[in-house]
Amino acid sequence: MADTKDQNELNIIIISDAAGDTAFSNATAAAAEFPKAKINYRRYPFITNEKKLDEVLKEIEKYPNLVIIYSLVKDEMQMPVIKFAREHNIQCVDIFSPVVEAIQQTTHMTPDQKIGAQHSLNQKYFDRISAMEFAVMYDDGKDPKGFLEADVVLLGVSRTSKTPLSLFLANKNLKVANLPLVPETHIPKEIYEIDPKKIIGLTNDPSVLNEIRRQRMISYGLNPDTSYSSMDSINKELESAQALYKKLGCYVINVAHRSIEETAALILEHLGIDDYAK
């Protein structure tokens, strides 16, 4: 067990896609409630792409007693941070979160002053973070039990926007799980136990899917003409998925030429939700 001195030392990691001044100000203001703590501030400003973010996460692994405070606008940038925090059992908050509570849980120290109404004022924030963590945990069918706990289950072949949609809907406080569909693979029994209204089947136009997959292979420096991107394989995948959707009796959305926001709006309308975040 670490001694008291070690427990009182804290590394606050500030990650921002801008200068990070607001996050830093919030962190220092909250840390002032813990005058006996030895706090190191490590700032990582202008983290604007996943490569830079990956370098930051690799670097901060070496520091003990972490609290991560982030200010990242894009969902795809938030997801790796939340996943990293969960895997390393680290407190992770954004600039709107109760920083004082995060420091308290990490150092086991008591704040000098009690902050009134903290939980009631930030409940929506906690609900949103909980939904984001749920989306990360149950992305790509990692754990079938998530299907039974989810508010929405997204099904779809590769490159039908399952993960971006999951994160977008999580920001609406919906717990979302998704499952990639591959022909002739086992469909978890939990899928058949869910209310069909909660299941959304995602599809795409073959030609659009072909182009998306080709471009993805090119971005990896690989040959774009593989079975993954062939029209024959794509047609078989889409036909197999459509057969499953028909069997389940679920709502189907063609994501071709639709933005994430447009697809999400259709899902919310189908669920009878005007604005889940309000």
C-alpha atoms as a PDB file:
ATOM      1  CA  MET A   1       0.000   0.000   0.000  1.00  0.00           C
ATOM      2  CA  ALA A   2       1.271   3.462  -0.897  1.00  0.00           C
ATOM      3  CA  ASP A   3       2.142   5.746   2.017  1.00  0.00           C
ATOM      4  CA  THR A   4       0.284   8.990   2.791  1.00  0.00           C
ATOM      5  CA  LYS A   5       2.852  11.071   0.978  1.00  0.00           C
ATOM      6  CA  ASP A   6       2.398   9.064  -2.201  1.00  0.00           C
ATOM      7  CA  GLN A   7      -1.396   9.267  -1.940  1.00  0.00           C
ATOM      8  CA  ASN A   8      -1.233  13.037  -1.560  1.00  0.00           C
ATOM      9  CA  GLU A   9       0.751  13.456  -4.759  1.00  0.00           C
ATOM     10  CA  LEU A  10      -1.454  13.886  -7.790  1.00  0.00           C
ATOM     11  CA  ASN A  11      -0.818  14.295 -11.529  1.00  0.00           C
ATOM     12  CA  ILE A  12      -3.549  16.297 -13.245  1.00  0.00           C
ATOM     13  CA  ILE A  13      -3.469  15.681 -16.988  1.00  0.00           C
ATOM     14  CA  ILE A  14      -5.105  18.398 -19.099  1.00  0.00           C
ATOM     15  CA  ILE A  15      -5.876  17.436 -22.706  1.00  0.00           C
ATOM     16  CA  SER A  16      -7.433  19.983 -25.050  1.00  0.00           C
ATOM     17  CA  ASP A  17      -7.927  20.508 -28.774  1.00  0.00           C
ATOM     18  CA  ALA A  18      -7.306  24.232 -28.104  1.00  0.00           C
ATOM     19  CA  ALA A  19      -5.054  26.064 -25.661  1.00  0.00           C
ATOM     20  CA  GLY A  20      -6.633  24.373 -22.649  1.00  0.00           C
ATOM     21  CA  ASP A  21      -6.701  27.545 -20.556  1.00  0.00           C
ATOM     22  CA  THR A  22     -10.286  27.028 -19.379  1.00  0.00           C
ATOM     23  CA  ALA A  23      -9.619  23.444 -18.329  1.00  0.00           C
ATOM     24  CA  PHE A  24      -6.455  24.535 -16.515  1.00  0.00           C
ATOM     25  CA  SER A  25      -8.312  27.323 -14.668  1.00  0.00           C
ATOM     26  CA  ASN A  26     -11.008  24.884 -13.558  1.00  0.00           C
ATOM     27  CA  ALA A  27      -8.391  22.379 -12.401  1.00  0.00           C
ATOM     28  CA  THR A  28      -6.414  24.891 -10.346  1.00  0.00           C
ATOM     29  CA  ALA A  29      -9.556  26.337  -8.784  1.00  0.00           C
ATOM     30  CA  ALA A  30     -10.730  22.881  -7.713  1.00  0.00           C
ATOM     31  CA  ALA A  31      -7.260  21.839  -6.536  1.00  0.00           C
ATOM     32  CA  ALA A  32      -7.166  24.854  -4.206  1.00  0.00           C
ATOM     33  CA  GLU A  33      -9.619  22.899  -2.059  1.00  0.00           C
ATOM     34  CA  PHE A  34      -6.774  20.455  -1.289  1.00  0.00           C
ATOM     35  CA  PRO A  35      -3.928  22.574   0.148  1.00  0.00           C
ATOM     36  CA  LYS A  36      -2.074  19.531   1.510  1.00  0.00           C
ATOM     37  CA  ALA A  37      -1.924  17.775  -1.857  1.00  0.00           C
ATOM     38  CA  LYS A  38       1.198  17.900  -3.997  1.00  0.00           C
ATOM     39  CA  ILE A  39      -0.199  18.499  -7.473  1.00  0.00           C
ATOM     40  CA  ASN A  40       1.649  18.349 -10.776  1.00  0.00           C
ATOM     41  CA  TYR A  41      -0.116  19.867 -13.798  1.00  0.00           C
ATOM     42  CA  ARG A  42       0.748  18.321 -17.148  1.00  0.00           C
ATOM     43  CA  ARG A  43      -0.810  20.198 -20.066  1.00  0.00           C
ATOM     44  CA  TYR A  44      -1.301  18.830 -23.578  1.00  0.00           C
ATOM     45  CA  PRO A  45      -2.809  21.603 -25.738  1.00  0.00           C
ATOM     46  CA  PHE A  46      -3.799  21.521 -29.428  1.00  0.00           C
ATOM     47  CA  ILE A  47      -4.390  17.772 -29.527  1.00  0.00           C
ATOM     48  CA  THR A  48      -6.362  17.861 -32.768  1.00  0.00           C
ATOM     49  CA  ASN A  49      -5.978  14.365 -34.223  1.00  0.00           C
ATOM     50  CA  GLU A  50      -5.919  10.758 -33.056  1.00  0.00           C
ATOM     51  CA  LYS A  51      -2.174  10.363 -33.674  1.00  0.00           C
ATOM     52  CA  LYS A  52      -1.341  13.196 -31.266  1.00  0.00           C
ATOM     53  CA  LEU A  53      -3.838  11.854 -28.738  1.00  0.00           C
ATOM     54  CA  ASP A  54      -2.328   8.368 -28.906  1.00  0.00           C
ATOM     55  CA  GLU A  55       1.118   9.836 -28.180  1.00  0.00           C
ATOM     56  CA  VAL A  56      -0.277  11.667 -25.141  1.00  0.00           C
ATOM     57  CA  LEU A  57      -1.951   8.554 -23.744  1.00  0.00           C
ATOM     58  CA  LYS A  58       1.248   6.548 -24.145  1.00  0.00           C
ATOM     59  CA  GLU A  59       3.244   9.231 -22.341  1.00  0.00           C
ATOM     60  CA  ILE A  60       0.947   9.679 -19.347  1.00  0.00           C
ATOM     61  CA  GLU A  61       0.918   5.937 -18.600  1.00  0.00           C
ATOM     62  CA  LYS A  62       4.164   6.406 -16.661  1.00  0.00           C
ATOM     63  CA  TYR A  63       2.692   8.854 -14.154  1.00  0.00           C
ATOM     64  CA  PRO A  64       1.027   7.680 -10.892  1.00  0.00           C
ATOM     65  CA  ASN A  65      -2.221   8.959  -9.345  1.00  0.00           C
ATOM     66  CA  LEU A  66      -3.767  10.461 -12.453  1.00  0.00           C
ATOM     67  CA  VAL A  67      -6.827  12.616 -12.990  1.00  0.00           C
ATOM     68  CA  ILE A  68      -7.505  13.386 -16.653  1.00  0.00           C
ATOM     69  CA  ILE A  69      -9.344  16.609 -17.499  1.00  0.00           C
ATOM     70  CA  TYR A  70     -10.167  16.951 -21.162  1.00  0.00           C
ATOM     71  CA  SER A  71     -11.750  19.478 -23.472  1.00  0.00           C
ATOM     72  CA  LEU A  72     -12.267  17.705 -26.789  1.00  0.00           C
ATOM     73  CA  VAL A  73     -15.113  18.623 -29.108  1.00  0.00           C
ATOM     74  CA  LYS A  74     -15.148  15.598 -31.434  1.00  0.00           C
ATOM     75  CA  ASP A  75     -16.644  12.310 -30.224  1.00  0.00           C
ATOM     76  CA  GLU A  76     -13.959  10.242 -31.924  1.00  0.00           C
ATOM     77  CA  MET A  77     -11.347  12.077 -29.836  1.00  0.00           C
ATOM     78  CA  GLN A  78     -13.254  11.582 -26.577  1.00  0.00           C
ATOM     79  CA  MET A  79     -13.674   7.829 -27.018  1.00  0.00           C
ATOM     80  CA  PRO A  80      -9.951   6.868 -26.664  1.00  0.00           C
ATOM     81  CA  VAL A  81      -9.640   9.020 -23.523  1.00  0.00           C
ATOM     82  CA  ILE A  82     -12.670   7.420 -21.862  1.00  0.00           C
ATOM     83  CA  LYS A  83     -11.457   3.949 -22.869  1.00  0.00           C
ATOM     84  CA  PHE A  84      -7.930   4.650 -21.537  1.00  0.00           C
ATOM     85  CA  ALA A  85      -9.340   5.906 -18.232  1.00  0.00           C
ATOM     86  CA  ARG A  86     -11.576   2.861 -17.819  1.00  0.00           C
ATOM     87  CA  GLU A  87      -8.760   0.399 -18.614  1.00  0.00           C
ATOM     88  CA  HIS A  88      -6.387   2.087 -16.151  1.00  0.00           C
ATOM     89  CA  ASN A  89      -9.014   2.747 -13.453  1.00  0.00           C
ATOM     90  CA  ILE A  90      -8.418   6.498 -13.673  1.00  0.00           C
ATOM     91  CA  GLN A  91     -10.835   9.340 -12.898  1.00  0.00           C
ATOM     92  CA  CYS A  92     -11.686  11.116 -16.158  1.00  0.00           C
ATOM     93  CA  VAL A  93     -13.710  14.322 -16.449  1.00  0.00           C
ATOM     94  CA  ASP A  94     -14.184  17.216 -18.834  1.00  0.00           C
ATOM     95  CA  ILE A  95     -14.164  20.922 -17.997  1.00  0.00           C
ATOM     96  CA  PHE A  96     -17.810  20.814 -16.950  1.00  0.00           C
ATOM     97  CA  SER A  97     -17.349  17.958 -14.513  1.00  0.00           C
ATOM     98  CA  PRO A  98     -16.997  18.160 -10.717  1.00  0.00           C
ATOM     99  CA  VAL A  99     -13.215  18.258 -10.579  1.00  0.00           C
ATOM    100  CA  VAL A 100     -13.276  18.400  -6.804  1.00  0.00           C
ATOM    101  CA  GLU A 101     -14.994  15.005  -6.619  1.00  0.00           C
ATOM    102  CA  ALA A 102     -12.446  13.435  -8.971  1.00  0.00           C
ATOM    103  CA  ILE A 103      -9.537  14.661  -6.831  1.00  0.00           C
ATOM    104  CA  GLN A 104     -11.280  13.431  -3.686  1.00  0.00           C
ATOM    105  CA  GLN A 105     -11.773   9.938  -5.106  1.00  0.00           C
ATOM    106  CA  THR A 106      -8.181   9.724  -6.343  1.00  0.00           C
ATOM    107  CA  THR A 107      -6.405  11.066  -3.227  1.00  0.00           C
ATOM    108  CA  HIS A 108      -8.981   9.955  -0.617  1.00  0.00           C
ATOM    109  CA  MET A 109      -8.677  13.435   0.908  1.00  0.00           C
ATOM    110  CA  THR A 110     -11.595  15.528   2.171  1.00  0.00           C
ATOM    111  CA  PRO A 111     -12.192  18.966   0.611  1.00  0.00           C
ATOM    112  CA  ASP A 112     -11.810  21.962   2.936  1.00  0.00           C
ATOM    113  CA  GLN A 113     -15.307  23.123   2.047  1.00  0.00           C
ATOM    114  CA  LYS A 114     -18.335  21.131   0.993  1.00  0.00           C
ATOM    115  CA  ILE A 115     -19.662  22.164  -2.427  1.00  0.00           C
ATOM    116  CA  GLY A 116     -23.437  22.410  -2.210  1.00  0.00           C
ATOM    117  CA  ALA A 117     -25.843  20.816  -4.697  1.00  0.00           C
ATOM    118  CA  GLN A 118     -22.937  19.421  -6.726  1.00  0.00           C
ATOM    119  CA  HIS A 119     -24.622  16.164  -7.718  1.00  0.00           C
ATOM    120  CA  SER A 120     -27.977  17.645  -8.659  1.00  0.00           C
ATOM    121  CA  LEU A 121     -26.339  20.321 -10.808  1.00  0.00           C
ATOM    122  CA  ASN A 122     -24.194  17.805 -12.649  1.00  0.00           C
ATOM    123  CA  GLN A 123     -26.494  14.786 -12.938  1.00  0.00           C
ATOM    124  CA  LYS A 124     -26.960  15.268 -16.682  1.00  0.00           C
ATOM    125  CA  TYR A 125     -23.205  15.328 -17.088  1.00  0.00           C
ATOM    126  CA  PHE A 126     -22.814  12.072 -15.151  1.00  0.00           C
ATOM    127  CA  ASP A 127     -25.596  10.468 -17.164  1.00  0.00           C
ATOM    128  CA  ARG A 128     -23.887  11.473 -20.406  1.00  0.00           C
ATOM    129  CA  ILE A 129     -20.489  10.163 -19.304  1.00  0.00           C
ATOM    130  CA  SER A 130     -22.126   6.923 -18.142  1.00  0.00           C
ATOM    131  CA  ALA A 131     -23.721   6.552 -21.576  1.00  0.00           C
ATOM    132  CA  MET A 132     -20.384   7.266 -23.286  1.00  0.00           C
ATOM    133  CA  GLU A 133     -18.654   4.625 -21.176  1.00  0.00           C
ATOM    134  CA  PHE A 134     -21.435   2.175 -21.985  1.00  0.00           C
ATOM    135  CA  ALA A 135     -20.955   2.825 -25.721  1.00  0.00           C
ATOM    136  CA  VAL A 136     -17.212   2.182 -25.401  1.00  0.00           C
ATOM    137  CA  MET A 137     -17.684  -0.979 -23.334  1.00  0.00           C
ATOM    138  CA  TYR A 138     -20.236  -2.522 -25.678  1.00  0.00           C
ATOM    139  CA  ASP A 139     -18.816  -1.352 -29.009  1.00  0.00           C
ATOM    140  CA  ASP A 140     -18.548  -4.036 -31.720  1.00  0.00           C
ATOM    141  CA  GLY A 141     -20.426  -6.653 -29.707  1.00  0.00           C
ATOM    142  CA  LYS A 142     -17.647  -7.040 -27.127  1.00  0.00           C
ATOM    143  CA  ASP A 143     -20.023  -8.336 -24.450  1.00  0.00           C
ATOM    144  CA  PRO A 144     -23.465  -9.740 -25.402  1.00  0.00           C
ATOM    145  CA  LYS A 145     -24.997  -8.856 -22.030  1.00  0.00           C
ATOM    146  CA  GLY A 146     -24.796  -5.213 -23.089  1.00  0.00           C
ATOM    147  CA  PHE A 147     -27.549  -5.819 -25.646  1.00  0.00           C
ATOM    148  CA  LEU A 148     -30.022  -6.531 -22.855  1.00  0.00           C
ATOM    149  CA  GLU A 149     -29.055  -3.396 -20.912  1.00  0.00           C
ATOM    150  CA  ALA A 150     -28.983  -1.029 -23.883  1.00  0.00           C
ATOM    151  CA  ASP A 151     -31.598   1.569 -24.798  1.00  0.00           C
ATOM    152  CA  VAL A 152     -30.694   1.051 -28.457  1.00  0.00           C
ATOM    153  CA  VAL A 153     -28.910  -1.755 -30.305  1.00  0.00           C
ATOM    154  CA  LEU A 154     -27.352  -0.955 -33.681  1.00  0.00           C
ATOM    155  CA  LEU A 155     -26.764  -3.754 -36.188  1.00  0.00           C
ATOM    156  CA  GLY A 156     -24.898  -3.369 -39.444  1.00  0.00           C
ATOM    157  CA  VAL A 157     -22.186  -4.632 -41.753  1.00  0.00           C
ATOM    158  CA  SER A 158     -18.746  -3.031 -41.668  1.00  0.00           C
ATOM    159  CA  ARG A 159     -18.667   0.718 -42.445  1.00  0.00           C
ATOM    160  CA  THR A 160     -22.297   1.571 -41.739  1.00  0.00           C
ATOM    161  CA  SER A 161     -21.411   4.153 -39.056  1.00  0.00           C
ATOM    162  CA  LYS A 162     -22.217   1.998 -36.017  1.00  0.00           C
ATOM    163  CA  THR A 163     -19.558   3.418 -33.692  1.00  0.00           C
ATOM    164  CA  PRO A 164     -19.980   7.125 -34.600  1.00  0.00           C
ATOM    165  CA  LEU A 165     -23.738   6.723 -34.200  1.00  0.00           C
ATOM    166  CA  SER A 166     -23.268   5.015 -30.842  1.00  0.00           C
ATOM    167  CA  LEU A 167     -21.223   7.952 -29.566  1.00  0.00           C
ATOM    168  CA  PHE A 168     -23.589  10.558 -30.987  1.00  0.00           C
ATOM    169  CA  LEU A 169     -26.576   8.892 -29.316  1.00  0.00           C
ATOM    170  CA  ALA A 170     -24.575   8.489 -26.093  1.00  0.00           C
ATOM    171  CA  ASN A 171     -24.289  12.266 -26.067  1.00  0.00           C
ATOM    172  CA  LYS A 172     -28.083  12.224 -25.960  1.00  0.00           C
ATOM    173  CA  ASN A 173     -27.804  10.083 -22.802  1.00  0.00           C
ATOM    174  CA  LEU A 174     -28.819   6.872 -24.560  1.00  0.00           C
ATOM    175  CA  LYS A 175     -27.056   3.615 -23.693  1.00  0.00           C
ATOM    176  CA  VAL A 176     -26.092   2.133 -27.054  1.00  0.00           C
ATOM    177  CA  ALA A 177     -24.582  -1.245 -27.957  1.00  0.00           C
ATOM    178  CA  ASN A 178     -23.709  -2.289 -31.490  1.00  0.00           C
ATOM    179  CA  LEU A 179     -22.963  -5.511 -33.314  1.00  0.00           C
ATOM    180  CA  PRO A 180     -21.048  -5.897 -36.604  1.00  0.00           C
ATOM    181  CA  LEU A 181     -22.733  -8.336 -38.966  1.00  0.00           C
ATOM    182  CA  VAL A 182     -20.608 -10.824 -40.872  1.00  0.00           C
ATOM    183  CA  PRO A 183     -22.301 -13.513 -43.040  1.00  0.00           C
ATOM    184  CA  GLU A 184     -22.401 -17.025 -41.590  1.00  0.00           C
ATOM    185  CA  THR A 185     -21.276 -15.921 -38.132  1.00  0.00           C
ATOM    186  CA  HIS A 186     -23.173 -16.617 -34.914  1.00  0.00           C
ATOM    187  CA  ILE A 187     -25.729 -14.023 -33.843  1.00  0.00           C
ATOM    188  CA  PRO A 188     -25.811 -13.770 -30.019  1.00  0.00           C
ATOM    189  CA  LYS A 189     -29.020 -15.167 -28.543  1.00  0.00           C
ATOM    190  CA  GLU A 190     -29.489 -11.903 -26.652  1.00  0.00           C
ATOM    191  CA  ILE A 191     -30.362 -10.163 -29.923  1.00  0.00           C
ATOM    192  CA  TYR A 192     -33.515 -12.278 -30.163  1.00  0.00           C
ATOM    193  CA  GLU A 193     -34.475 -11.446 -26.570  1.00  0.00           C
ATOM    194  CA  ILE A 194     -34.608  -7.682 -27.119  1.00  0.00           C
ATOM    195  CA  ASP A 195     -37.727  -5.652 -27.882  1.00  0.00           C
ATOM    196  CA  PRO A 196     -37.505  -5.259 -31.706  1.00  0.00           C
ATOM    197  CA  LYS A 197     -38.301  -1.557 -31.360  1.00  0.00           C
ATOM    198  CA  LYS A 198     -34.926  -1.049 -29.660  1.00  0.00           C
ATOM    199  CA  ILE A 199     -33.054  -2.638 -32.575  1.00  0.00           C
ATOM    200  CA  ILE A 200     -31.933  -0.500 -35.511  1.00  0.00           C
ATOM    201  CA  GLY A 201     -30.740  -2.248 -38.653  1.00  0.00           C
ATOM    202  CA  LEU A 202     -28.247  -0.150 -40.621  1.00  0.00           C
ATOM    203  CA  THR A 203     -27.705  -0.710 -44.325  1.00  0.00           C
ATOM    204  CA  ASN A 204     -26.053   1.099 -47.235  1.00  0.00           C
ATOM    205  CA  ASP A 205     -26.044   1.268 -51.016  1.00  0.00           C
ATOM    206  CA  PRO A 206     -23.578  -1.308 -52.433  1.00  0.00           C
ATOM    207  CA  SER A 207     -21.757   1.251 -54.589  1.00  0.00           C
ATOM    208  CA  VAL A 208     -21.373   3.681 -51.687  1.00  0.00           C
ATOM    209  CA  LEU A 209     -20.119   0.934 -49.381  1.00  0.00           C
ATOM    210  CA  ASN A 210     -17.678  -0.216 -52.050  1.00  0.00           C
ATOM    211  CA  GLU A 211     -16.163   3.263 -52.309  1.00  0.00           C
ATOM    212  CA  ILE A 212     -15.967   3.713 -48.523  1.00  0.00           C
ATOM    213  CA  ARG A 213     -14.186   0.394 -48.064  1.00  0.00           C
ATOM    214  CA  ARG A 214     -11.790   1.032 -50.953  1.00  0.00           C
ATOM    215  CA  GLN A 215     -10.832   4.402 -49.497  1.00  0.00           C
ATOM    216  CA  ARG A 216     -10.327   2.828 -46.073  1.00  0.00           C
ATOM    217  CA  MET A 217      -7.914   0.265 -47.486  1.00  0.00           C
ATOM    218  CA  ILE A 218      -6.040   2.999 -49.374  1.00  0.00           C
ATOM    219  CA  SER A 219      -5.740   5.058 -46.158  1.00  0.00           C
ATOM    220  CA  TYR A 220      -3.995   2.041 -44.585  1.00  0.00           C
ATOM    221  CA  GLY A 221      -1.642   1.767 -47.548  1.00  0.00           C
ATOM    222  CA  LEU A 222      -3.209  -1.528 -48.618  1.00  0.00           C
ATOM    223  CA  ASN A 223      -4.563  -2.891 -51.884  1.00  0.00           C
ATOM    224  CA  PRO A 224      -8.123  -1.531 -52.231  1.00  0.00           C
ATOM    225  CA  ASP A 225      -9.254  -4.443 -54.407  1.00  0.00           C
ATOM    226  CA  THR A 226      -9.839  -7.236 -51.898  1.00  0.00           C
ATOM    227  CA  SER A 227     -12.765  -9.439 -50.910  1.00  0.00           C
ATOM    228  CA  TYR A 228     -13.568  -6.838 -48.249  1.00  0.00           C
ATOM    229  CA  SER A 229     -14.371  -4.260 -50.915  1.00  0.00           C
ATOM    230  CA  SER A 230     -15.597  -6.488 -53.747  1.00  0.00           C
ATOM    231  CA  MET A 231     -19.146  -5.931 -54.952  1.00  0.00           C
ATOM    232  CA  ASP A 232     -19.960  -9.637 -54.698  1.00  0.00           C
ATOM    233  CA  SER A 233     -18.976  -9.770 -51.019  1.00  0.00           C
ATOM    234  CA  ILE A 234     -20.741  -6.498 -50.256  1.00  0.00           C
ATOM    235  CA  ASN A 235     -23.979  -7.660 -51.892  1.00  0.00           C
ATOM    236  CA  LYS A 236     -23.873 -10.934 -49.943  1.00  0.00           C
ATOM    237  CA  GLU A 237     -23.270  -9.084 -46.664  1.00  0.00           C
ATOM    238  CA  LEU A 238     -26.124  -6.654 -47.276  1.00  0.00           C
ATOM    239  CA  GLU A 239     -28.505  -9.452 -48.306  1.00  0.00           C
ATOM    240  CA  SER A 240     -27.608 -11.452 -45.208  1.00  0.00           C
ATOM    241  CA  ALA A 241     -28.122  -8.402 -42.994  1.00  0.00           C
ATOM    242  CA  GLN A 242     -31.456  -7.620 -44.625  1.00  0.00           C
ATOM    243  CA  ALA A 243     -32.643 -11.182 -44.020  1.00  0.00           C
ATOM    244  CA  LEU A 244     -31.776 -10.828 -40.324  1.00  0.00           C
ATOM    245  CA  TYR A 245     -33.586  -7.485 -40.077  1.00  0.00           C
ATOM    246  CA  LYS A 246     -36.687  -9.054 -41.606  1.00  0.00           C
ATOM    247  CA  LYS A 247     -36.504 -11.941 -39.168  1.00  0.00           C
ATOM    248  CA  LEU A 248     -36.168  -9.590 -36.205  1.00  0.00           C
ATOM    249  CA  GLY A 249     -38.818  -7.204 -37.463  1.00  0.00           C
ATOM    250  CA  CYS A 250     -36.614  -4.219 -36.626  1.00  0.00           C
ATOM    251  CA  TYR A 251     -36.507  -0.679 -37.999  1.00  0.00           C
ATOM    252  CA  VAL A 252     -34.070  -0.330 -40.941  1.00  0.00           C
ATOM    253  CA  ILE A 253     -32.212   2.809 -42.010  1.00  0.00           C
ATOM    254  CA  ASN A 254     -30.138   3.239 -45.169  1.00  0.00           C
ATOM    255  CA  VAL A 255     -27.203   5.453 -44.116  1.00  0.00           C
ATOM    256  CA  ALA A 256     -26.069   6.170 -47.703  1.00  0.00           C
ATOM    257  CA  HIS A 257     -25.803   9.929 -48.249  1.00  0.00           C
ATOM    258  CA  ARG A 258     -27.016  10.598 -44.687  1.00  0.00           C
ATOM    259  CA  SER A 259     -25.000  12.382 -42.039  1.00  0.00           C
ATOM    260  CA  ILE A 260     -24.646  10.938 -38.542  1.00  0.00           C
ATOM    261  CA  GLU A 261     -26.983  13.659 -37.293  1.00  0.00           C
ATOM    262  CA  GLU A 262     -29.668  12.771 -39.854  1.00  0.00           C
ATOM    263  CA  THR A 263     -29.519   9.065 -39.050  1.00  0.00           C
ATOM    264  CA  ALA A 264     -29.610   9.778 -35.322  1.00  0.00           C
ATOM    265  CA  ALA A 265     -32.664  12.015 -35.809  1.00  0.00           C
ATOM    266  CA  LEU A 266     -34.477   9.135 -37.527  1.00  0.00           C
ATOM    267  CA  ILE A 267     -33.590   6.810 -34.646  1.00  0.00           C
ATOM    268  CA  LEU A 268     -34.798   9.294 -32.022  1.00  0.00           C
ATOM    269  CA  GLU A 269     -38.026   9.815 -33.961  1.00  0.00           C
ATOM    270  CA  HIS A 270     -38.538   6.044 -34.201  1.00  0.00           C
ATOM    271  CA  LEU A 271     -38.071   5.762 -30.426  1.00  0.00           C
ATOM    272  CA  GLY A 272     -40.448   8.630 -29.793  1.00  0.00           C
ATOM    273  CA  ILE A 273     -37.743  10.837 -28.292  1.00  0.00           C
ATOM    274  CA  ASP A 274     -37.811  14.547 -29.180  1.00  0.00           C
ATOM    275  CA  ASP A 275     -34.617  15.485 -27.383  1.00  0.00           C
ATOM    276  CA  TYR A 276     -33.243  12.935 -24.927  1.00  0.00           C
ATOM    277  CA  ALA A 277     -30.646  15.384 -23.653  1.00  0.00           C
ATOM    278  CA  LYS A 278     -33.225  17.837 -22.252  1.00  0.00           C
END
